């Protein structure tokens, strides 16, 4: 398998900059999720790597080979499109064999390779069916088999689960991850689904407005976002505006509408700076109306429950802590607090993350 390097990759469509100066390296055998909202440049990046779009600037390297100007068939990339792009008039076997035929492989070798890959993706015995005779999951596996059968150096996946229902989508996430690990194939997986990225990826690259915002392990992206935009996009979080009043290493004290809060934070924060505090709902505990004496490192704030929503395994609370600030808290299904109750919200300083600037 090859590593994949993007160096200063840029794509303009007239006056619109779809991708700007993107530099990214995928190690051999690594699965990286390219994550971002619709229109951020994810699919454009994938199309440039595959050879379908020509970069305005920058370079694309597969291993030590510069393929920036190479045609798609010379790039050893396998691609799975969002809508699968299966040929409706061809059987599963014929769809999967198409790339091998374009390579000029002999019929006996094609039959052998197609049978092997169909067995591997769980489609053995379905080779003579047409796409219209397959379920959504089977169509997705056919598209995956067609991309893998050519033994690509890099696998490119463009929102491959977007057309599946929620249950099947969850099953296929784990299937794709297990298959990728088994084959140890370098993979770039484009998605707007944060849960998908966190479950599947070795590392996540967050792209917004064509610009790389952060690149790191899923845990780092989730717990230590470098901008408020990344914090807001990845999962659910609460924001509290504040000002840094003290700093010691990566530990900060902030004055906020809810009171003095202790937190960890980004390296570029300084005393006196405006800041935005991010706290995930699952990191907050609900207690009785009297906070008592808080242990070292625990932030406690009084509030009133305004909303209580049943979510099955969780209860979702909206807690008013004053000054127009509503904190979202996710508690256990057995949580007894009701709308109108006086409560204390508590969270560890290590779970509060301070970022430069203010929301918006």
Protein backbone atom coordinates (compact mmCIF):
# COMPACT_ATOMS: atom_id res chain seq x y z
CA UNK A 1 0.00 0.00 0.00
CA UNK A 2 1.12 3.57 -0.73
CA UNK A 3 1.10 6.61 1.46
CA UNK A 4 -0.74 9.65 0.10
CA UNK A 5 0.53 13.23 0.34
CA UNK A 6 -1.27 16.43 -0.60
CA UNK A 7 1.03 19.44 -0.74
CA UNK A 8 -0.47 22.90 -0.99
CA UNK A 9 -3.44 21.56 -2.94
CA UNK A 10 -5.69 24.34 -4.23
CA UNK A 11 -8.72 24.33 -6.52
CA UNK A 12 -10.50 27.41 -7.86
CA UNK A 13 -13.67 27.55 -9.92
CA UNK A 14 -13.57 31.08 -11.29
CA UNK A 15 -13.57 33.41 -8.30
CA UNK A 16 -14.61 30.62 -5.91
CA UNK A 17 -11.82 28.91 -3.97
CA UNK A 18 -13.15 25.40 -3.26
CA UNK A 19 -9.94 24.11 -1.64
CA UNK A 20 -7.14 26.32 -0.37
CA UNK A 21 -3.54 25.28 0.25
CA UNK A 22 -4.41 21.84 1.65
CA UNK A 23 -1.42 19.93 3.00
CA UNK A 24 -2.11 16.46 4.37
CA UNK A 25 -0.29 13.12 4.57
CA UNK A 26 -1.85 9.69 5.04
CA UNK A 27 0.53 6.98 6.22
CA UNK A 28 0.50 3.63 4.44
CA UNK A 29 -2.42 1.56 5.70
CA UNK A 30 -4.04 4.47 7.56
CA UNK A 31 -7.72 5.42 7.38
CA UNK A 32 -8.24 9.18 7.48
CA UNK A 33 -11.69 10.77 7.54
CA UNK A 34 -12.01 14.05 5.67
CA UNK A 35 -14.83 15.64 7.66
CA UNK A 36 -16.77 18.84 7.13
CA UNK A 37 -20.13 20.40 6.28
CA UNK A 38 -21.64 20.36 2.80
CA UNK A 39 -19.79 22.60 0.37
CA UNK A 40 -16.51 22.68 2.31
CA UNK A 41 -14.41 21.11 -0.48
CA UNK A 42 -14.33 17.44 0.61
CA UNK A 43 -15.54 15.87 -2.63
CA UNK A 44 -13.50 18.31 -4.73
CA UNK A 45 -10.40 17.15 -2.86
CA UNK A 46 -11.30 13.51 -3.50
CA UNK A 47 -11.89 14.17 -7.20
CA UNK A 48 -8.48 15.83 -7.51
CA UNK A 49 -6.81 12.84 -5.88
CA UNK A 50 -8.68 10.45 -8.20
CA UNK A 51 -7.72 12.52 -11.26
CA UNK A 52 -11.21 13.70 -12.22
CA UNK A 53 -10.44 17.36 -11.42
CA UNK A 54 -7.16 19.15 -12.13
CA UNK A 55 -5.69 21.17 -9.21
CA UNK A 56 -5.16 24.89 -9.70
CA UNK A 57 -2.00 24.59 -7.60
CA UNK A 58 -0.19 22.06 -5.43
CA UNK A 59 0.90 18.46 -5.80
CA UNK A 60 -0.46 14.96 -5.19
CA UNK A 61 1.95 12.15 -4.36
CA UNK A 62 1.19 8.42 -4.14
CA UNK A 63 4.19 6.96 -2.40
CA UNK A 64 7.17 8.64 -4.09
CA UNK A 65 5.27 9.15 -7.37
CA UNK A 66 3.94 12.58 -8.36
CA UNK A 67 0.54 11.91 -9.96
CA UNK A 68 -0.72 15.50 -10.07
CA UNK A 69 -1.03 15.44 -13.86
CA UNK A 70 -1.53 11.70 -14.34
CA UNK A 71 -4.85 10.45 -15.78
CA UNK A 72 -7.16 8.52 -13.43
CA UNK A 73 -6.24 5.10 -14.82
CA UNK A 74 -2.56 5.70 -13.99
CA UNK A 75 -3.12 6.53 -10.30
CA UNK A 76 -3.92 3.10 -8.80
CA UNK A 77 -6.83 4.64 -6.85
CA UNK A 78 -10.03 2.76 -6.15
CA UNK A 79 -13.08 4.99 -5.66
CA UNK A 80 -16.52 4.35 -4.17
CA UNK A 81 -19.02 7.07 -5.10
CA UNK A 82 -21.88 8.28 -2.91
CA UNK A 83 -24.47 6.87 -5.34
CA UNK A 84 -22.29 3.78 -6.08
CA UNK A 85 -22.38 4.43 -9.89
CA UNK A 86 -23.06 0.76 -10.70
CA UNK A 87 -23.87 -0.11 -14.32
CA UNK A 88 -27.56 -1.13 -14.21
CA UNK A 89 -27.31 -3.33 -17.32
CA UNK A 90 -24.39 -5.37 -15.94
CA UNK A 91 -24.50 -8.12 -13.34
CA UNK A 92 -22.63 -7.88 -10.05
CA UNK A 93 -19.81 -9.98 -11.52
CA UNK A 94 -19.63 -7.79 -14.61
CA UNK A 95 -19.65 -4.59 -12.58
CA UNK A 96 -16.80 -5.83 -10.40
CA UNK A 97 -14.84 -7.15 -13.39
CA UNK A 98 -15.01 -3.86 -15.29
CA UNK A 99 -11.79 -2.36 -13.92
CA UNK A 100 -9.84 -5.57 -14.51
CA UNK A 101 -11.05 -5.69 -18.10
CA UNK A 102 -9.83 -2.11 -18.60
CA UNK A 103 -6.44 -3.29 -17.34
CA UNK A 104 -6.42 -6.01 -20.03
CA UNK A 105 -6.33 -8.95 -17.59
CA UNK A 106 -7.12 -12.39 -19.05
CA UNK A 107 -10.54 -13.94 -18.49
CA UNK A 108 -9.40 -16.79 -16.19
CA UNK A 109 -7.57 -14.31 -13.92
CA UNK A 110 -10.57 -11.96 -13.94
CA UNK A 111 -12.98 -14.73 -12.96
CA UNK A 112 -10.68 -15.84 -10.14
CA UNK A 113 -10.15 -12.30 -8.77
CA UNK A 114 -13.84 -11.41 -8.98
CA UNK A 115 -14.87 -14.59 -7.16
CA UNK A 116 -12.29 -13.92 -4.42
CA UNK A 117 -13.37 -10.34 -3.78
CA UNK A 118 -17.10 -11.15 -3.86
CA UNK A 119 -16.53 -13.81 -1.20
CA UNK A 120 -14.52 -11.34 0.87
CA UNK A 121 -17.28 -8.70 0.86
CA UNK A 122 -20.01 -11.26 1.54
CA UNK A 123 -21.54 -11.36 -1.95
CA UNK A 124 -20.55 -14.89 -2.93
CA UNK A 125 -23.48 -16.46 -4.78
CA UNK A 126 -24.95 -13.09 -5.83
CA UNK A 127 -22.67 -12.50 -8.80
CA UNK A 128 -25.35 -13.06 -11.44
CA UNK A 129 -27.81 -10.59 -9.96
CA UNK A 130 -28.33 -7.09 -11.35
CA UNK A 131 -28.04 -3.95 -9.17
CA UNK A 132 -31.85 -3.53 -9.13
CA UNK A 133 -32.10 -6.96 -7.47
CA UNK A 134 -29.83 -5.97 -4.59
CA UNK A 135 -30.53 -4.27 -1.26
CA UNK A 136 -28.85 -0.94 -0.48
CA UNK A 137 -26.19 -2.68 1.59
CA UNK A 138 -25.50 -5.20 -1.18
CA UNK A 139 -25.16 -2.41 -3.74
CA UNK A 140 -22.73 -0.66 -1.43
CA UNK A 141 -20.65 -3.85 -1.10
CA UNK A 142 -20.67 -4.30 -4.87
CA UNK A 143 -19.27 -0.79 -5.32
CA UNK A 144 -16.67 -1.54 -2.64
CA UNK A 145 -15.72 -4.82 -4.36
CA UNK A 146 -15.32 -3.03 -7.70
CA UNK A 147 -12.92 -0.53 -6.10
CA UNK A 148 -10.92 -3.20 -4.25
CA UNK A 149 -10.61 -5.81 -7.00
CA UNK A 150 -7.98 -3.77 -8.86
CA UNK A 151 -5.69 -3.86 -5.78
CA UNK A 152 -5.55 -0.06 -5.47
CA UNK A 153 -2.73 1.69 -3.66
CA UNK A 154 -5.28 4.09 -2.15
CA UNK A 155 -9.01 3.66 -1.53
CA UNK A 156 -11.21 6.77 -1.84
CA UNK A 157 -14.70 6.71 -0.33
CA UNK A 158 -17.13 9.58 -1.01
CA UNK A 159 -19.99 9.54 1.55
CA UNK A 160 -20.48 5.79 0.83
CA UNK A 161 -23.12 5.25 3.53
CA UNK A 162 -25.24 8.35 2.92
CA UNK A 163 -28.00 6.43 1.10
CA UNK A 164 -28.45 3.71 3.72
CA UNK A 165 -30.93 3.68 6.59
CA UNK A 166 -29.64 4.38 10.10
CA UNK A 167 -29.35 0.76 11.26
CA UNK A 168 -27.62 -0.47 8.11
CA UNK A 169 -25.36 2.57 8.08
CA UNK A 170 -24.14 1.72 11.58
CA UNK A 171 -23.52 -1.92 10.60
CA UNK A 172 -21.60 -0.89 7.48
CA UNK A 173 -19.37 1.50 9.43
CA UNK A 174 -17.95 -1.40 11.41
CA UNK A 175 -17.83 -3.63 8.33
CA UNK A 176 -15.79 -1.11 6.33
CA UNK A 177 -13.43 -0.54 9.25
CA UNK A 178 -12.85 -4.26 9.76
CA UNK A 179 -12.27 -4.80 6.03
CA UNK A 180 -9.87 -1.86 5.82
CA UNK A 181 -7.85 -3.19 8.74
CA UNK A 182 -7.79 -6.67 7.24
CA UNK A 183 -6.55 -5.39 3.87
CA UNK A 184 -4.33 -2.69 5.44
CA UNK A 185 -5.19 -0.32 2.59
CA UNK A 186 -4.53 3.42 2.73
CA UNK A 187 -7.99 5.01 2.80
CA UNK A 188 -9.42 8.52 2.58
CA UNK A 189 -13.04 8.56 3.72
CA UNK A 190 -15.11 11.68 2.98
CA UNK A 191 -18.09 12.31 5.27
CA UNK A 192 -20.15 15.06 6.90
CA UNK A 193 -21.21 12.64 9.66
CA UNK A 194 -19.18 13.26 12.82
CA UNK A 195 -20.07 9.89 14.38
CA UNK A 196 -18.93 8.11 11.23
CA UNK A 197 -15.59 9.89 11.28
CA UNK A 198 -14.97 9.24 14.98
CA UNK A 199 -15.85 5.53 14.69
CA UNK A 200 -13.92 4.78 11.52
CA UNK A 201 -10.83 6.92 11.39
CA UNK A 202 -7.29 6.60 12.70
CA UNK A 203 -7.13 10.37 12.24
CA UNK A 204 -9.65 13.04 11.29
CA UNK A 205 -9.04 16.06 9.06
CA UNK A 206 -11.65 18.78 9.60
CA UNK A 207 -12.21 20.92 6.50
CA UNK A 208 -14.26 24.14 6.48
CA UNK A 209 -14.61 26.59 3.60
CA UNK A 210 -11.86 24.72 1.79
CA UNK A 211 -9.34 25.24 4.61
CA UNK A 212 -7.95 22.54 6.91
CA UNK A 213 -8.94 23.47 10.47
CA UNK A 214 -7.43 20.60 12.46
CA UNK A 215 -5.87 17.18 11.81
CA UNK A 216 -5.47 14.62 14.58
CA UNK A 217 -6.75 11.53 16.36
CA UNK A 218 -10.54 11.38 16.92
CA UNK A 219 -10.10 11.80 20.70
CA UNK A 220 -7.96 14.92 20.17
CA UNK A 221 -10.44 16.47 17.73
CA UNK A 222 -13.35 15.80 20.09
CA UNK A 223 -11.81 16.73 23.43
CA UNK A 224 -9.22 19.33 22.35
CA UNK A 225 -10.63 21.28 19.37
CA UNK A 226 -8.43 24.16 18.29
CA UNK A 227 -11.24 26.50 17.21
CA UNK A 228 -14.83 27.17 18.29
CA UNK A 229 -15.97 26.17 14.78
CA UNK A 230 -14.44 22.71 15.17
CA UNK A 231 -15.85 22.34 18.69
CA UNK A 232 -19.33 23.25 17.46
CA UNK A 233 -19.18 20.94 14.45
CA UNK A 234 -17.88 17.84 16.24
CA UNK A 235 -20.67 16.43 18.37
CA UNK A 236 -22.66 18.65 20.76
CA UNK A 237 -21.15 21.20 23.10
CA UNK A 238 -22.05 24.11 25.36
CA UNK A 239 -20.37 27.47 24.84
CA UNK A 240 -19.79 30.04 27.58
CA UNK A 241 -18.17 33.40 26.72
CA UNK A 242 -15.52 34.57 29.14
CA UNK A 243 -12.24 36.33 29.77
CA UNK A 244 -8.99 34.74 30.90
CA UNK A 245 -8.00 36.08 34.33
CA UNK A 246 -5.12 33.70 35.12
CA UNK A 247 -2.98 31.06 33.45
CA UNK A 248 -0.59 28.35 34.62
CA UNK A 249 0.67 26.13 31.81
CA UNK A 250 -2.39 24.71 30.07
CA UNK A 251 -4.65 25.55 33.04
CA UNK A 252 -6.79 28.68 32.95
CA UNK A 253 -9.16 30.64 35.14
CA UNK A 254 -11.98 32.42 33.31
CA UNK A 255 -14.59 34.92 34.38
CA UNK A 256 -17.90 33.92 32.71
CA UNK A 257 -21.59 34.86 33.06
CA UNK A 258 -21.97 31.70 35.16
CA UNK A 259 -19.12 32.69 37.49
CA UNK A 260 -15.45 31.79 37.76
CA UNK A 261 -14.61 28.64 35.80
CA UNK A 262 -11.36 26.66 35.80
CA UNK A 263 -10.45 24.92 32.55
CA UNK A 264 -7.76 23.57 30.25
CA UNK A 265 -7.19 25.42 26.98
CA UNK A 266 -5.28 26.03 23.77
CA UNK A 267 -1.65 27.15 23.86
CA UNK A 268 -2.37 30.54 22.24
CA UNK A 269 -4.62 31.79 25.07
CA UNK A 270 -3.21 34.58 27.19
CA UNK A 271 -4.30 36.41 30.34
CA UNK A 272 -6.74 39.20 29.51
CA UNK A 273 -7.93 37.60 26.26
CA UNK A 274 -11.56 36.98 25.37
CA UNK A 275 -12.27 33.26 25.32
CA UNK A 276 -15.00 30.76 24.56
CA UNK A 277 -15.44 27.88 26.99
CA UNK A 278 -16.60 24.54 25.55
CA UNK A 279 -18.14 21.88 27.81
CA UNK A 280 -19.71 18.68 26.42
CA UNK A 281 -23.19 17.78 27.82
CA UNK A 282 -22.06 14.30 28.86
CA UNK A 283 -19.29 15.77 31.04
CA UNK A 284 -21.72 17.69 33.24
CA UNK A 285 -23.31 16.22 36.39
CA UNK A 286 -26.61 17.36 37.86
CA UNK A 287 -26.94 17.62 41.65
CA UNK A 288 -29.17 19.12 44.31
CA UNK A 289 -29.75 22.86 44.78
CA UNK A 290 -26.94 23.27 47.35
CA UNK A 291 -23.50 22.82 45.73
CA UNK A 292 -21.75 22.56 49.10
CA UNK A 293 -17.97 22.69 49.00
CA UNK A 294 -16.63 21.70 45.57
CA UNK A 295 -13.54 19.48 45.48
CA UNK A 296 -10.41 20.91 43.88
CA UNK A 297 -10.69 20.97 40.10
CA UNK A 298 -14.51 20.76 40.05
CA UNK A 299 -16.59 23.67 38.76
CA UNK A 300 -20.07 24.04 40.32
CA UNK A 301 -22.78 26.43 39.18
CA UNK A 302 -26.38 26.86 40.41
CA UNK A 303 -29.21 26.74 37.90
CA UNK A 304 -32.83 25.88 37.15
CA UNK A 305 -34.04 23.04 34.90
CA UNK A 306 -36.06 24.59 32.07
CA UNK A 307 -36.58 21.51 29.87
CA UNK A 308 -36.40 17.74 30.35
CA UNK A 309 -36.45 15.49 27.26
CA UNK A 310 -36.49 11.68 27.26
CA UNK A 311 -33.97 10.18 24.76
CA UNK A 312 -34.21 6.50 25.67
CA UNK A 313 -30.96 5.71 27.43
CA UNK A 314 -30.45 9.38 28.36
CA UNK A 315 -32.36 12.38 29.65
CA UNK A 316 -31.53 15.66 27.91
CA UNK A 317 -31.79 18.71 30.21
CA UNK A 318 -31.67 22.42 29.47
CA UNK A 319 -30.44 24.21 32.61
CA UNK A 320 -30.64 27.98 32.99
CA UNK A 321 -27.56 29.21 34.87
CA UNK A 322 -28.46 32.89 34.54
CA UNK A 323 -27.49 35.79 32.29
CA UNK A 324 -29.25 34.15 29.35
CA UNK A 325 -27.04 31.04 29.42
CA UNK A 326 -28.71 27.63 28.94
CA UNK A 327 -26.49 24.61 29.47
CA UNK A 328 -27.35 21.32 27.82
CA UNK A 329 -26.79 18.35 30.18
CA UNK A 330 -27.18 14.67 29.35
CA UNK A 331 -27.96 12.51 32.38
CA UNK A 332 -28.89 8.88 32.98
CA UNK A 333 -32.41 7.73 32.16
CA UNK A 334 -33.06 7.33 35.91
CA UNK A 335 -32.30 11.02 36.59
CA UNK A 336 -35.07 12.44 38.79
CA UNK A 337 -34.80 16.17 38.13
CA UNK A 338 -37.83 17.88 36.58
CA UNK A 339 -38.53 21.19 34.88
CA UNK A 340 -38.52 23.96 37.50
CA UNK A 341 -36.14 22.17 39.88
CA UNK A 342 -33.25 24.09 41.42
CA UNK A 343 -30.04 22.19 40.64
CA UNK A 344 -26.27 22.37 40.66
CA UNK A 345 -24.32 21.64 37.48
CA UNK A 346 -20.79 20.35 38.08
CA UNK A 347 -17.96 19.51 35.72
CA UNK A 348 -14.27 18.75 36.04
CA UNK A 349 -11.87 21.49 35.00
CA UNK A 350 -10.17 18.93 32.70
CA UNK A 351 -13.47 18.56 30.80
CA UNK A 352 -13.82 22.33 30.22
CA UNK A 353 -11.87 23.51 27.19
CA UNK A 354 -11.07 27.18 26.57
CA UNK A 355 -10.63 28.59 23.05
CA UNK A 356 -9.60 32.04 21.82
CA UNK A 357 -12.28 34.57 20.83
CA UNK A 358 -16.03 34.67 21.12
CA UNK A 359 -18.76 32.64 19.47
CA UNK A 360 -19.56 33.80 15.99
